[in-house]
Amino acid sequence: MPYNTDYLQKQADRYVEQLINKTVNGQIVTAYKSSLAVIKKEMAVIAEKYEVNGVLTYAEMTKYNRLNSTLNTVIEELKNLNRTVRKESIALAGVAYEESFFRYGYAIARGSNLNISFGLVNPYTIKAAVNLPFSGLTMTQLFERASQETIWKTQQAITQGLIQGTSYGKIAREIKDVLGTSLKRAMLIARTEASRAATQGQLALYEEAESDGIEMTRIWSAALDDRTRDAHGEMDGKHADKDGLFHYEGSDPAFSGMTTEGPGLWGDAAMDINCRCRVYAEVAGYPTKYRRVNGTVQDYMDYPEWYEKYGKKKK
């Protein structure tokens, strides 16, 4: 297949997406598994020492400050977990921004046969982008709020289990469920914020390219599958205005009149969380002719056309 801007931009997009998935499904999941193992080990030691007839009782655990000591150990482990996950996620967002900037730059330059190069990205620019509170909270604050909720629910699982005379095994399962829910939330935050940062890096590249005289049109591209939000499916193929803003003019009145520079930047959780849309630049003289549809390259079609041909109603 010939190298064109559309193809190369989608290659850049796939690389960044794989990078995000590797960290979210790798380091973050591993951190949670490690913390769960530490907490279960702590609870197993306590159970071996203080269980009476197979039951850990509240009365037995409140002796000699045992309960407070156990809770403090568990809480400290959960705080360490939050620090680890937050650090990994912030680093991932920074890398996503930078990789997006340079890989889309390569796509624009090579795909358009233009002899141009782009400078280094200022680290402070990346840091500022990663820390922007698009949802009303910074990434650090999002993880801190999630961590506090996990700590509270874990304390609740342990204390209520003891009061009810629950076995160690049941308490351990309750803790596992709490951390499982917490993991899903952490993955969602990490993925959403990294994708948002990637969009910002991509837009920064487009702005630099346009300042160098490259004429381009920014086009919204939704994921062609049944998991795509209806509102985002309606955005597919729409062009940004002269100020680089996309306008929602679809059928959902809840989003009527909203504008954004790109996916993940609406400032509305219902539009931003776990968004898989992207923006592509169509360089003047290099129109988009093809699109990857259901794993194969086909003539270009937008989301409504895809849905009519392949969506749920056709299954």
Protein backbone atom coordinates (compact mmCIF):
# COMPACT_ATOMS: atom_id res chain seq x y z
CA MET A 1 0.00 0.00 0.00
CA PRO A 2 1.41 3.44 -0.85
CA TYR A 3 2.52 5.66 1.98
CA ASN A 4 0.00 8.50 2.24
CA THR A 5 -0.82 10.84 5.10
CA ASP A 6 -4.01 9.00 6.02
CA TYR A 7 -2.31 5.61 6.23
CA LEU A 8 0.70 6.90 8.15
CA GLN A 9 -1.43 8.85 10.62
CA LYS A 10 -3.41 5.73 11.37
CA GLN A 11 -0.14 3.84 11.87
CA ALA A 12 0.87 6.52 14.38
CA ASP A 13 -2.48 6.17 16.09
CA ARG A 14 -2.16 2.39 16.39
CA TYR A 15 1.33 2.71 17.86
CA VAL A 16 0.18 5.15 20.55
CA GLU A 17 -2.87 2.99 21.31
CA GLN A 18 -0.67 -0.08 21.75
CA LEU A 19 1.66 1.92 23.98
CA ILE A 20 -1.26 2.93 26.22
CA ASN A 21 -2.64 -0.61 26.35
CA LYS A 22 0.76 -2.05 27.26
CA THR A 23 1.09 0.17 30.34
CA VAL A 24 -2.55 -0.05 31.42
CA ASN A 25 -2.80 -3.83 31.00
CA GLY A 26 0.78 -4.38 32.19
CA GLN A 27 2.25 -2.17 34.90
CA ILE A 28 -1.03 -1.01 36.39
CA VAL A 29 -2.59 -4.47 36.54
CA THR A 30 0.65 -5.87 38.00
CA ALA A 31 0.69 -3.20 40.71
CA TYR A 32 -2.83 -4.13 41.79
CA LYS A 33 -2.06 -7.85 41.83
CA SER A 34 1.00 -7.18 43.98
CA SER A 35 -0.93 -5.08 46.50
CA LEU A 36 -3.75 -7.62 46.70
CA ALA A 37 -1.19 -10.34 47.45
CA VAL A 38 0.37 -8.24 50.23
CA ILE A 39 -3.01 -7.50 51.82
CA LYS A 40 -4.20 -11.11 51.59
CA LYS A 41 -0.94 -12.28 53.18
CA GLU A 42 -1.41 -9.80 56.05
CA MET A 43 -4.97 -11.00 56.59
CA ALA A 44 -3.89 -14.66 56.42
CA VAL A 45 -1.31 -14.10 59.16
CA ILE A 46 -3.93 -12.38 61.32
CA ALA A 47 -6.41 -15.21 60.71
CA GLU A 48 -3.86 -17.88 61.64
CA LYS A 49 -3.13 -16.12 64.92
CA TYR A 50 -6.56 -14.97 66.03
CA GLU A 51 -9.31 -17.01 64.37
CA VAL A 52 -11.62 -18.78 66.80
CA ASN A 53 -13.42 -21.80 65.38
CA GLY A 54 -12.64 -20.59 61.86
CA VAL A 55 -13.96 -17.09 62.48
CA LEU A 56 -12.21 -13.78 63.02
CA THR A 57 -14.20 -11.85 65.60
CA TYR A 58 -14.38 -8.14 66.20
CA ALA A 59 -13.91 -8.66 69.93
CA GLU A 60 -10.70 -10.63 69.44
CA MET A 61 -9.29 -8.17 66.91
CA THR A 62 -9.95 -5.12 69.09
CA LYS A 63 -7.72 -6.54 71.82
CA TYR A 64 -4.26 -4.97 72.11
CA ASN A 65 -4.94 -2.60 69.21
CA ARG A 66 -4.81 -5.51 66.70
CA LEU A 67 -7.53 -4.12 64.42
CA ASN A 68 -6.01 -0.64 64.16
CA SER A 69 -2.60 -2.12 63.49
CA THR A 70 -4.00 -4.32 60.70
CA LEU A 71 -5.98 -1.48 59.14
CA ASN A 72 -2.95 0.82 59.22
CA THR A 73 -0.88 -1.81 57.39
CA VAL A 74 -3.59 -2.28 54.75
CA ILE A 75 -4.10 1.48 54.32
CA GLU A 76 -0.38 2.08 53.87
CA GLU A 77 -0.25 -0.60 51.17
CA LEU A 78 -3.19 1.00 49.36
CA LYS A 79 -1.51 4.41 49.54
CA ASN A 80 1.64 2.92 48.05
CA LEU A 81 -0.49 1.37 45.32
CA ASN A 82 -2.02 4.76 44.51
CA ARG A 83 1.42 6.39 44.32
CA THR A 84 2.68 3.68 41.98
CA VAL A 85 -0.35 3.76 39.66
CA ARG A 86 -0.45 7.55 39.61
CA LYS A 87 3.26 7.74 38.76
CA GLU A 88 2.92 5.19 35.95
CA SER A 89 -0.15 6.95 34.55
CA ILE A 90 1.38 10.42 34.57
CA ALA A 91 4.51 9.08 32.88
CA LEU A 92 2.35 7.28 30.30
CA ALA A 93 0.43 10.46 29.49
CA GLY A 94 3.70 12.34 28.94
CA VAL A 95 5.06 9.65 26.64
CA ALA A 96 1.74 9.50 24.76
CA TYR A 97 1.90 13.26 24.14
CA GLU A 98 5.48 13.14 22.86
CA GLU A 99 5.08 10.01 20.74
CA SER A 100 1.91 11.41 19.20
CA PHE A 101 3.65 14.69 18.33
CA PHE A 102 6.60 13.10 16.56
CA ARG A 103 4.81 10.18 14.89
CA TYR A 104 2.11 12.39 13.43
CA GLY A 105 4.85 14.79 12.36
CA TYR A 106 6.54 11.96 10.47
CA ALA A 107 3.21 10.98 8.92
CA ILE A 108 2.52 14.50 7.66
CA ALA A 109 6.04 15.03 6.32
CA ARG A 110 6.55 11.69 4.61
CA GLY A 111 3.01 11.17 3.45
CA SER A 112 2.93 14.59 1.80
CA ASN A 113 6.48 14.37 0.41
CA LEU A 114 7.38 17.57 2.24
CA ASN A 115 10.95 18.30 3.29
CA ILE A 116 10.15 19.53 6.79
CA SER A 117 11.16 18.63 10.32
CA PHE A 118 9.75 19.48 13.71
CA GLY A 119 11.63 20.62 16.79
CA LEU A 120 11.81 19.05 20.23
CA VAL A 121 8.86 19.26 22.58
CA ASN A 122 9.42 21.41 25.66
CA PRO A 123 9.12 19.16 28.77
CA TYR A 124 7.21 21.92 30.55
CA THR A 125 4.68 21.96 27.72
CA ILE A 126 4.10 18.24 28.20
CA LYS A 127 3.83 18.61 31.98
CA ALA A 128 1.34 21.45 31.64
CA ALA A 129 -0.76 19.45 29.17
CA VAL A 130 -0.81 16.36 31.39
CA ASN A 131 -1.89 18.41 34.43
CA LEU A 132 -4.72 20.32 32.74
CA PRO A 133 -7.98 19.60 34.66
CA PHE A 134 -10.26 18.99 31.68
CA SER A 135 -12.69 17.04 33.86
CA GLY A 136 -12.50 19.59 36.66
CA LEU A 137 -9.80 17.60 38.45
CA THR A 138 -6.15 16.97 37.62
CA MET A 139 -4.97 13.41 37.08
CA THR A 140 -3.40 13.43 40.55
CA GLN A 141 -6.70 14.51 42.08
CA LEU A 142 -8.65 11.87 40.14
CA PHE A 143 -6.40 9.12 41.46
CA GLU A 144 -6.43 10.54 44.99
CA ARG A 145 -10.22 10.58 45.06
CA ALA A 146 -10.36 7.02 43.72
CA SER A 147 -7.76 5.89 46.27
CA GLN A 148 -9.70 7.37 49.21
CA GLU A 149 -12.80 5.49 48.10
CA THR A 150 -10.84 2.23 47.81
CA ILE A 151 -9.37 2.70 51.29
CA TRP A 152 -12.78 3.37 52.79
CA LYS A 153 -14.42 0.37 51.13
CA THR A 154 -11.54 -1.91 52.14
CA GLN A 155 -11.76 -0.75 55.76
CA GLN A 156 -15.49 -1.32 55.61
CA ALA A 157 -15.07 -4.85 54.23
CA ILE A 158 -12.66 -5.79 57.02
CA THR A 159 -14.51 -4.13 59.92
CA GLN A 160 -18.00 -5.27 58.92
CA GLY A 161 -16.71 -8.77 58.25
CA LEU A 162 -15.30 -8.93 61.77
CA ILE A 163 -18.49 -7.56 63.35
CA GLN A 164 -20.58 -10.12 61.45
CA GLY A 165 -18.24 -12.95 62.43
CA THR A 166 -17.24 -13.65 58.81
CA SER A 167 -14.48 -16.12 57.94
CA TYR A 168 -11.09 -14.97 56.69
CA GLY A 169 -11.86 -16.41 53.27
CA LYS A 170 -15.00 -14.31 52.83
CA ILE A 171 -13.26 -11.14 54.02
CA ALA A 172 -10.42 -11.84 51.56
CA ARG A 173 -12.95 -12.22 48.73
CA GLU A 174 -14.62 -8.93 49.68
CA ILE A 175 -11.24 -7.18 49.57
CA LYS A 176 -10.50 -8.75 46.18
CA ASP A 177 -13.82 -7.43 44.84
CA VAL A 178 -13.08 -3.93 46.16
CA LEU A 179 -9.65 -3.90 44.51
CA GLY A 180 -11.10 -5.33 41.32
CA THR A 181 -13.51 -2.41 41.06
CA SER A 182 -10.69 0.00 41.95
CA LEU A 183 -8.49 -1.49 39.21
CA LYS A 184 -11.17 -0.95 36.56
CA ARG A 185 -11.49 2.67 37.64
CA ALA A 186 -7.71 3.20 37.63
CA MET A 187 -7.44 1.68 34.15
CA LEU A 188 -10.23 3.95 32.94
CA ILE A 189 -8.54 7.06 34.35
CA ALA A 190 -5.13 6.09 32.97
CA ARG A 191 -6.47 5.25 29.52
CA THR A 192 -8.67 8.35 29.28
CA GLU A 193 -5.95 10.74 30.41
CA ALA A 194 -3.26 9.17 28.21
CA SER A 195 -5.55 9.33 25.18
CA ARG A 196 -6.34 12.95 26.01
CA ALA A 197 -2.61 13.75 26.20
CA ALA A 198 -2.03 11.99 22.87
CA THR A 199 -4.68 14.19 21.28
CA GLN A 200 -3.00 17.29 22.71
CA GLY A 201 0.36 16.21 21.29
CA GLN A 202 -1.21 15.56 17.92
CA LEU A 203 -2.92 18.97 17.88
CA ALA A 204 0.32 20.69 18.88
CA LEU A 205 1.98 19.06 15.87
CA TYR A 206 -0.82 20.17 13.54
CA GLU A 207 -0.51 23.75 14.81
CA GLU A 208 3.24 23.72 14.17
CA ALA A 209 2.74 22.25 10.69
CA GLU A 210 0.16 24.88 9.85
CA SER A 211 2.48 27.63 11.10
CA ASP A 212 5.04 26.27 8.61
CA GLY A 213 2.56 26.85 5.79
CA ILE A 214 1.08 23.36 5.41
CA GLU A 215 -2.59 23.57 4.47
CA MET A 216 -4.68 20.90 6.15
CA THR A 217 -8.21 20.11 7.26
CA ARG A 218 -8.80 18.43 10.60
CA ILE A 219 -11.32 15.60 10.41
CA TRP A 220 -13.02 13.71 13.28
CA SER A 221 -12.68 9.94 13.09
CA ALA A 222 -14.78 7.65 15.28
CA ALA A 223 -14.03 3.98 15.94
CA LEU A 224 -16.02 1.85 13.51
CA ASP A 225 -17.67 -0.57 15.92
CA ASP A 226 -20.82 -0.92 18.00
CA ARG A 227 -19.16 0.37 21.19
CA THR A 228 -18.87 3.90 19.81
CA ARG A 229 -21.12 6.49 21.44
CA ASP A 230 -24.00 7.58 19.22
CA ALA A 231 -22.89 11.20 19.56
CA HIS A 232 -19.36 10.33 18.45
CA GLY A 233 -20.64 8.28 15.54
CA GLU A 234 -22.50 11.40 14.43
CA MET A 235 -19.24 13.37 14.65
CA ASP A 236 -17.40 10.99 12.32
CA GLY A 237 -16.14 12.70 9.19
CA LYS A 238 -16.95 16.19 10.47
CA HIS A 239 -14.44 18.98 9.74
CA ALA A 240 -13.07 21.44 12.27
CA ASP A 241 -13.81 25.10 11.67
CA LYS A 242 -11.17 27.74 10.86
CA ASP A 243 -10.31 27.98 14.56
CA GLY A 244 -9.72 24.24 14.83
CA LEU A 245 -12.97 23.57 16.72
CA PHE A 246 -15.39 20.71 16.14
CA HIS A 247 -19.08 21.45 16.73
CA TYR A 248 -21.57 18.86 17.90
CA GLU A 249 -24.69 19.24 15.78
CA GLY A 250 -26.13 15.78 16.27
CA SER A 251 -29.42 14.43 17.60
CA ASP A 252 -28.64 14.38 21.35
CA PRO A 253 -29.88 17.64 22.93
CA ALA A 254 -27.67 17.04 25.99
CA PHE A 255 -24.60 17.90 23.90
CA SER A 256 -26.13 20.47 21.59
CA GLY A 257 -23.86 23.45 20.97
CA MET A 258 -20.76 21.84 22.50
CA THR A 259 -17.38 22.40 20.84
CA THR A 260 -13.97 20.82 21.23
CA GLU A 261 -10.52 20.79 19.66
CA GLY A 262 -10.43 17.00 19.64
CA PRO A 263 -11.39 13.73 21.34
CA GLY A 264 -11.19 13.74 25.11
CA LEU A 265 -11.19 17.54 25.26
CA TRP A 266 -14.92 18.24 25.57
CA GLY A 267 -14.70 18.82 29.32
CA ASP A 268 -17.74 16.58 29.82
CA ALA A 269 -17.32 13.11 31.29
CA ALA A 270 -20.14 11.70 29.19
CA MET A 271 -18.23 12.68 26.05
CA ASP A 272 -14.65 12.18 27.23
CA ILE A 273 -14.32 9.04 29.35
CA ASN A 274 -12.73 6.13 27.48
CA CYS A 275 -13.21 7.91 24.14
CA ARG A 276 -11.53 6.04 21.26
CA CYS A 277 -12.08 8.67 18.57
CA ARG A 278 -9.16 10.38 16.84
CA VAL A 279 -8.54 13.43 14.67
CA TYR A 280 -6.76 13.18 11.34
CA ALA A 281 -5.34 15.92 9.16
CA GLU A 282 -6.15 15.84 5.49
CA VAL A 283 -3.32 17.70 3.77
CA ALA A 284 -4.31 19.81 0.76
CA GLY A 285 -3.76 17.75 -2.38
CA TYR A 286 -3.83 14.42 -0.54
CA PRO A 287 -7.51 13.52 -0.02
CA THR A 288 -8.51 10.55 2.13
CA LYS A 289 -9.54 7.70 -0.15
CA TYR A 290 -9.42 4.62 2.05
CA ARG A 291 -10.25 3.52 5.56
CA ARG A 292 -9.63 0.39 7.62
CA VAL A 293 -13.03 -1.22 8.04
CA ASN A 294 -13.46 -4.41 10.09
CA GLY A 295 -9.77 -5.22 9.69
CA THR A 296 -9.47 -4.60 5.97
CA VAL A 297 -8.68 -1.49 3.90
CA GLN A 298 -11.73 -0.37 1.93
CA ASP A 299 -12.98 2.69 0.12
CA TYR A 300 -13.64 5.46 2.61
CA MET A 301 -16.96 5.32 4.48
CA ASP A 302 -18.13 7.32 7.48
CA TYR A 303 -19.69 5.90 10.65
CA PRO A 304 -23.34 6.17 9.56
CA GLU A 305 -22.48 4.32 6.34
CA TRP A 306 -20.59 1.69 8.33
CA TYR A 307 -23.45 1.26 10.77
CA GLU A 308 -25.96 0.88 7.99
CA LYS A 309 -23.85 -1.86 6.42
CA TYR A 310 -22.23 -3.62 9.39
CA GLY A 311 -23.80 -2.35 12.64
CA LYS A 312 -26.02 -4.16 15.14
CA LYS A 313 -29.11 -3.78 13.03
CA LYS A 314 -27.42 -5.82 10.29
CA LYS A 315 -26.36 -8.68 12.55
